[in-house]
Amino acid sequence: MDDTGEKYRAPALEKGLDIIELLADHGEGMTQGEVAKALNRSQSEIYRMLSTLVRRGYVSRTPAGDRYTLSLKMFTISQRHSPIGRVIEAALPMMRAVTRKAWQSCHLGMESNGDIVIVASAESPGNWGLALRSGTVVGLWNTGTGRVLAAFRSNEEVDGLIAIHRRAIGEPELDRAEFNSHLDRIRRVGYERMPSATTIGVTNISFPIFGPSGEIAAALSCPYLKRVDDHVVPSEAEIVKMYGEMAAELTTLYCGGTPYKRETEK
């Protein structure tokens, strides 16, 4: 940590956050002594912190009174303004700013009960472009957005996603071996770059956006159209870099920092 970070540290707050994060990993609860030992703190300072957290409602004591667990207060607070809602709000101006530089449209897609839904989009500033409307449902295995949302899950999670997925308009029958091959490739390179399986002349470029625990939260996609006239615009390689950087920035925004890296292949 740099000097500025050290100067403005709040040790008491950090102790409280350490306790909350520790209890989040122990659903069965922990005793005061176990918390003190895990955090390498004295029993007295942990007692004061736990007492405060209990009083404020963030931590609960078990009926027997010997163990501490997280309450639902943090969950309740988080629902007042959904983190992914904040990401969408923050993403839209960023998406518009990048499209003005890229001369390419983009959209944000999420999985909802097996459907791949476009939740936000920004149009190209030119006279023409390809943009998907918010609320559009697209394919799982034949789109960059769908493949990226599937790739960064465990194999069991992919099985569950396929089981509840309802094919979008025009989505073909699933070829599982081919789909798995695409997912493996995306996991290796970190994003999808594919000729559109729905429209001729379009290249789908899709990047993952991760949540705080390393789970896939959304996919940022650009339906890239190559210009052949005299107007100079960023190249496809430059587009990949621009949208990749924006996806990384949105991941940082959603996570409040670097996400925990989760294993996707079991």
Protein backbone atom coordinates (compact mmCIF):
# COMPACT_ATOMS: atom_id res chain seq x y z
CA MET A 1 0.00 0.00 0.00
CA ASP A 2 1.29 3.50 -0.81
CA ASP A 3 1.91 6.26 1.74
CA THR A 4 -1.43 7.91 1.04
CA GLY A 5 -3.26 4.64 1.67
CA GLU A 6 -1.43 4.13 4.97
CA LYS A 7 -2.11 7.70 6.07
CA TYR A 8 -5.86 7.37 5.68
CA ARG A 9 -6.34 3.89 7.09
CA ALA A 10 -9.16 3.30 9.61
CA PRO A 11 -7.99 0.33 11.72
CA ALA A 12 -11.25 -0.07 13.66
CA LEU A 13 -13.28 -0.13 10.46
CA GLU A 14 -10.87 -2.63 8.90
CA LYS A 15 -11.24 -4.93 11.92
CA GLY A 16 -15.01 -4.81 11.58
CA LEU A 17 -14.84 -5.58 7.86
CA ASP A 18 -12.37 -8.42 8.52
CA ILE A 19 -14.90 -9.98 10.90
CA ILE A 20 -17.78 -9.62 8.44
CA GLU A 21 -15.76 -11.18 5.61
CA LEU A 22 -14.59 -14.01 7.87
CA LEU A 23 -18.12 -14.84 9.06
CA ALA A 24 -19.31 -14.78 5.43
CA ASP A 25 -17.06 -17.81 4.83
CA HIS A 26 -18.39 -19.68 7.89
CA GLY A 27 -22.13 -20.13 7.57
CA GLU A 28 -22.17 -22.38 10.63
CA GLY A 29 -20.95 -19.48 12.77
CA MET A 30 -17.80 -18.98 14.83
CA THR A 31 -17.02 -18.49 18.49
CA GLN A 32 -15.33 -15.34 19.71
CA GLY A 33 -12.15 -17.30 20.28
CA GLU A 34 -12.20 -18.75 16.76
CA VAL A 35 -12.63 -15.28 15.26
CA ALA A 36 -9.77 -13.90 17.37
CA LYS A 37 -7.48 -16.76 16.37
CA ALA A 38 -8.35 -16.54 12.66
CA LEU A 39 -7.67 -12.80 12.57
CA ASN A 40 -4.69 -12.91 14.93
CA ARG A 41 -6.36 -10.42 17.29
CA SER A 42 -6.83 -10.32 21.03
CA GLN A 43 -10.01 -11.66 22.61
CA SER A 44 -10.83 -8.24 24.10
CA GLU A 45 -10.69 -6.28 20.86
CA ILE A 46 -12.70 -8.95 19.03
CA TYR A 47 -15.29 -8.88 21.84
CA ARG A 48 -15.75 -5.12 21.44
CA MET A 49 -16.08 -5.38 17.67
CA LEU A 50 -18.53 -8.29 17.82
CA SER A 51 -20.62 -6.51 20.45
CA THR A 52 -20.88 -3.45 18.20
CA LEU A 53 -21.74 -5.52 15.13
CA VAL A 54 -24.43 -7.38 17.09
CA ARG A 55 -25.85 -4.11 18.43
CA ARG A 56 -26.01 -2.64 14.92
CA GLY A 57 -27.67 -5.78 13.56
CA TYR A 58 -24.95 -6.94 11.16
CA VAL A 59 -24.07 -10.01 13.23
CA SER A 60 -26.32 -12.33 15.22
CA ARG A 61 -25.64 -14.69 18.09
CA THR A 62 -26.85 -18.27 17.83
CA PRO A 63 -29.63 -19.38 20.23
CA ALA A 64 -27.04 -21.05 22.43
CA GLY A 65 -25.20 -17.75 22.57
CA ASP A 66 -21.73 -19.17 21.91
CA ARG A 67 -21.41 -18.54 18.16
CA TYR A 68 -21.70 -15.55 15.86
CA THR A 69 -23.14 -15.51 12.34
CA LEU A 70 -23.90 -12.84 9.77
CA SER A 71 -27.46 -11.50 9.88
CA LEU A 72 -29.48 -10.59 6.77
CA LYS A 73 -28.99 -6.86 7.30
CA MET A 74 -26.30 -6.49 4.63
CA PHE A 75 -28.45 -8.41 2.16
CA THR A 76 -31.40 -6.12 2.95
CA ILE A 77 -29.26 -3.03 2.46
CA SER A 78 -27.88 -4.31 -0.84
CA GLN A 79 -31.41 -4.74 -2.18
CA ARG A 80 -32.15 -1.05 -1.75
CA HIS A 81 -30.01 -0.41 -4.80
CA SER A 82 -28.88 -3.51 -6.65
CA PRO A 83 -25.12 -3.53 -7.43
CA ILE A 84 -25.75 -4.71 -10.99
CA GLY A 85 -28.25 -1.85 -11.32
CA ARG A 86 -25.45 0.53 -10.43
CA VAL A 87 -23.23 -1.16 -13.01
CA ILE A 88 -25.86 -0.65 -15.72
CA GLU A 89 -26.27 3.00 -14.73
CA ALA A 90 -22.52 3.51 -14.84
CA ALA A 91 -22.11 1.44 -18.00
CA LEU A 92 -24.45 3.45 -20.21
CA PRO A 93 -22.42 6.69 -20.29
CA MET A 94 -19.24 4.67 -20.69
CA MET A 95 -20.78 2.68 -23.53
CA ARG A 96 -21.92 5.85 -25.28
CA ALA A 97 -18.49 7.43 -24.90
CA VAL A 98 -16.72 4.38 -26.36
CA THR A 99 -19.16 4.03 -29.26
CA ARG A 100 -18.42 7.64 -30.24
CA LYS A 101 -14.72 6.77 -30.46
CA ALA A 102 -15.21 3.33 -31.98
CA TRP A 103 -17.98 4.13 -34.46
CA GLN A 104 -19.44 0.78 -33.44
CA SER A 105 -22.51 0.02 -31.35
CA CYS A 106 -22.40 -2.18 -28.24
CA HIS A 107 -24.73 -3.83 -25.76
CA LEU A 108 -24.75 -5.39 -22.32
CA GLY A 109 -26.28 -8.85 -21.90
CA MET A 110 -27.23 -10.88 -18.83
CA GLU A 111 -28.68 -14.31 -18.13
CA SER A 112 -32.14 -14.40 -16.56
CA ASN A 113 -33.79 -17.75 -15.82
CA GLY A 114 -31.97 -19.32 -18.75
CA ASP A 115 -32.72 -16.49 -21.20
CA ILE A 116 -29.95 -14.28 -22.58
CA VAL A 117 -31.36 -10.76 -22.33
CA ILE A 118 -29.96 -7.45 -23.57
CA VAL A 119 -30.25 -5.03 -20.66
CA ALA A 120 -28.55 -1.95 -22.11
CA SER A 121 -27.31 -0.78 -25.52
CA ALA A 122 -25.58 2.18 -27.17
CA GLU A 123 -25.83 2.96 -30.88
CA SER A 124 -23.04 3.89 -33.26
CA PRO A 125 -22.84 7.65 -33.93
CA GLY A 126 -22.72 7.18 -37.71
CA ASN A 127 -25.55 7.05 -40.22
CA TRP A 128 -25.70 3.29 -39.98
CA GLY A 129 -24.86 0.54 -37.53
CA LEU A 130 -26.22 -2.58 -35.88
CA ALA A 131 -27.69 -2.18 -32.40
CA LEU A 132 -29.83 -4.54 -30.33
CA ARG A 133 -32.72 -3.03 -28.40
CA SER A 134 -32.86 -3.40 -24.61
CA GLY A 135 -35.13 -6.31 -23.74
CA THR A 136 -34.11 -8.35 -26.80
CA VAL A 137 -33.64 -12.07 -26.08
CA VAL A 138 -30.77 -13.65 -28.02
CA GLY A 139 -29.36 -17.14 -28.36
CA LEU A 140 -27.19 -18.93 -25.83
CA TRP A 141 -24.96 -21.07 -28.05
CA ASN A 142 -25.03 -19.08 -31.30
CA THR A 143 -24.12 -15.58 -30.02
CA GLY A 144 -21.00 -14.08 -28.51
CA THR A 145 -23.00 -12.75 -25.56
CA GLY A 146 -24.51 -16.15 -24.79
CA ARG A 147 -21.24 -18.05 -25.15
CA VAL A 148 -19.37 -15.67 -22.85
CA LEU A 149 -22.12 -15.87 -20.22
CA ALA A 150 -21.82 -19.67 -20.36
CA ALA A 151 -18.02 -19.99 -20.66
CA PHE A 152 -17.15 -18.58 -17.25
CA ARG A 153 -19.23 -21.08 -15.29
CA SER A 154 -18.47 -24.55 -14.00
CA ASN A 155 -19.49 -27.49 -16.16
CA GLU A 156 -22.34 -28.26 -13.74
CA GLU A 157 -23.58 -24.68 -14.02
CA VAL A 158 -23.46 -24.87 -17.81
CA ASP A 159 -25.52 -28.08 -17.66
CA GLY A 160 -28.09 -26.31 -15.50
CA LEU A 161 -28.16 -23.28 -17.80
CA ILE A 162 -28.75 -25.45 -20.87
CA ALA A 163 -31.51 -27.35 -19.07
CA ILE A 164 -33.59 -24.21 -18.43
CA HIS A 165 -32.68 -22.30 -21.60
CA ARG A 166 -35.47 -21.62 -24.09
CA ARG A 167 -34.17 -21.22 -27.61
CA ALA A 168 -34.41 -17.70 -29.00
CA ILE A 169 -35.93 -16.98 -32.41
CA GLY A 170 -33.66 -18.51 -35.04
CA GLU A 171 -31.42 -20.31 -32.53
CA PRO A 172 -30.52 -23.76 -33.91
CA GLU A 173 -30.52 -27.09 -32.12
CA LEU A 174 -27.63 -27.45 -29.68
CA ASP A 175 -24.51 -29.30 -30.79
CA ARG A 176 -23.05 -29.89 -27.33
CA ALA A 177 -19.60 -30.99 -28.47
CA GLU A 178 -19.22 -27.90 -30.66
CA PHE A 179 -20.56 -25.67 -27.88
CA ASN A 180 -18.11 -27.11 -25.37
CA SER A 181 -15.28 -26.50 -27.82
CA HIS A 182 -16.26 -22.84 -28.09
CA LEU A 183 -16.47 -22.49 -24.30
CA ASP A 184 -13.01 -24.02 -23.85
CA ARG A 185 -11.56 -21.61 -26.41
CA ILE A 186 -13.22 -18.59 -24.74
CA ARG A 187 -11.86 -19.63 -21.35
CA ARG A 188 -8.37 -19.82 -22.80
CA VAL A 189 -8.37 -16.43 -24.55
CA GLY A 190 -10.69 -14.58 -22.16
CA TYR A 191 -13.29 -13.35 -24.65
CA GLU A 192 -15.24 -14.27 -27.79
CA ARG A 193 -14.54 -13.08 -31.34
CA MET A 194 -16.70 -14.89 -33.89
CA PRO A 195 -18.45 -14.38 -37.23
CA SER A 196 -22.10 -13.70 -36.47
CA ALA A 197 -24.22 -16.85 -36.67
CA THR A 198 -27.31 -14.75 -37.38
CA THR A 199 -26.20 -12.01 -39.82
CA ILE A 200 -23.69 -11.99 -42.69
CA GLY A 201 -20.82 -9.51 -42.45
CA VAL A 202 -20.88 -9.01 -38.68
CA THR A 203 -18.18 -10.06 -36.22
CA ASN A 204 -19.36 -10.57 -32.65
CA ILE A 205 -16.85 -9.38 -30.04
CA SER A 206 -17.84 -10.16 -26.44
CA PHE A 207 -16.10 -9.70 -23.10
CA PRO A 208 -17.07 -10.94 -19.62
CA ILE A 209 -17.92 -8.71 -16.67
CA PHE A 210 -17.37 -10.45 -13.34
CA GLY A 211 -18.98 -10.04 -9.93
CA PRO A 212 -17.31 -9.78 -6.51
CA SER A 213 -16.91 -13.55 -6.07
CA GLY A 214 -15.62 -14.13 -9.58
CA GLU A 215 -19.01 -15.14 -10.94
CA ILE A 216 -19.96 -14.08 -14.46
CA ALA A 217 -22.36 -11.14 -14.13
CA ALA A 218 -22.77 -9.80 -17.66
CA ALA A 219 -21.25 -9.71 -21.13
CA LEU A 220 -20.25 -6.58 -23.01
CA SER A 221 -20.60 -7.15 -26.75
CA CYS A 222 -19.92 -5.27 -29.97
CA PRO A 223 -21.48 -6.37 -33.30
CA TYR A 224 -18.51 -5.17 -35.33
CA LEU A 225 -19.09 -3.92 -38.88
CA LYS A 226 -16.04 -3.24 -41.06
CA ARG A 227 -16.16 0.01 -43.03
CA VAL A 228 -14.84 -0.04 -46.58
CA ASP A 229 -15.33 3.63 -47.49
CA ASP A 230 -12.90 6.54 -46.96
CA HIS A 231 -14.01 7.37 -43.42
CA VAL A 232 -11.17 6.42 -41.04
CA VAL A 233 -12.33 4.53 -37.94
CA PRO A 234 -10.57 2.26 -35.41
CA SER A 235 -9.50 -1.15 -36.68
CA GLU A 236 -11.00 -4.40 -35.42
CA ALA A 237 -7.93 -4.96 -33.22
CA GLU A 238 -8.37 -1.50 -31.72
CA ILE A 239 -12.07 -2.21 -31.12
CA VAL A 240 -11.15 -5.40 -29.24
CA LYS A 241 -8.77 -3.41 -27.04
CA MET A 242 -11.30 -0.60 -26.36
CA TYR A 243 -14.15 -2.89 -25.38
CA GLY A 244 -11.88 -5.22 -23.42
CA GLU A 245 -10.67 -2.28 -21.34
CA MET A 246 -14.24 -1.12 -20.72
CA ALA A 247 -15.30 -4.61 -19.60
CA ALA A 248 -12.36 -4.70 -17.17
CA GLU A 249 -13.33 -1.27 -15.84
CA LEU A 250 -16.93 -2.38 -15.32
CA THR A 251 -15.72 -5.48 -13.49
CA THR A 252 -13.68 -3.28 -11.16
CA LEU A 253 -16.68 -1.02 -10.62
CA TYR A 254 -18.98 -3.94 -9.81
CA CYS A 255 -16.47 -5.60 -7.49
CA GLY A 256 -15.06 -2.54 -5.80
CA GLY A 257 -11.66 -3.91 -6.81
CA THR A 258 -10.19 -7.02 -8.36
CA PRO A 259 -12.63 -9.96 -8.19
CA TYR A 260 -11.82 -13.30 -6.67
CA LYS A 261 -10.77 -15.54 -9.55
CA ARG A 262 -13.11 -18.50 -9.69
CA GLU A 263 -12.30 -21.85 -11.30
CA THR A 264 -14.60 -22.43 -14.28
CA GLU A 265 -13.52 -25.88 -15.45
CA LYS A 266 -14.13 -28.73 -13.04
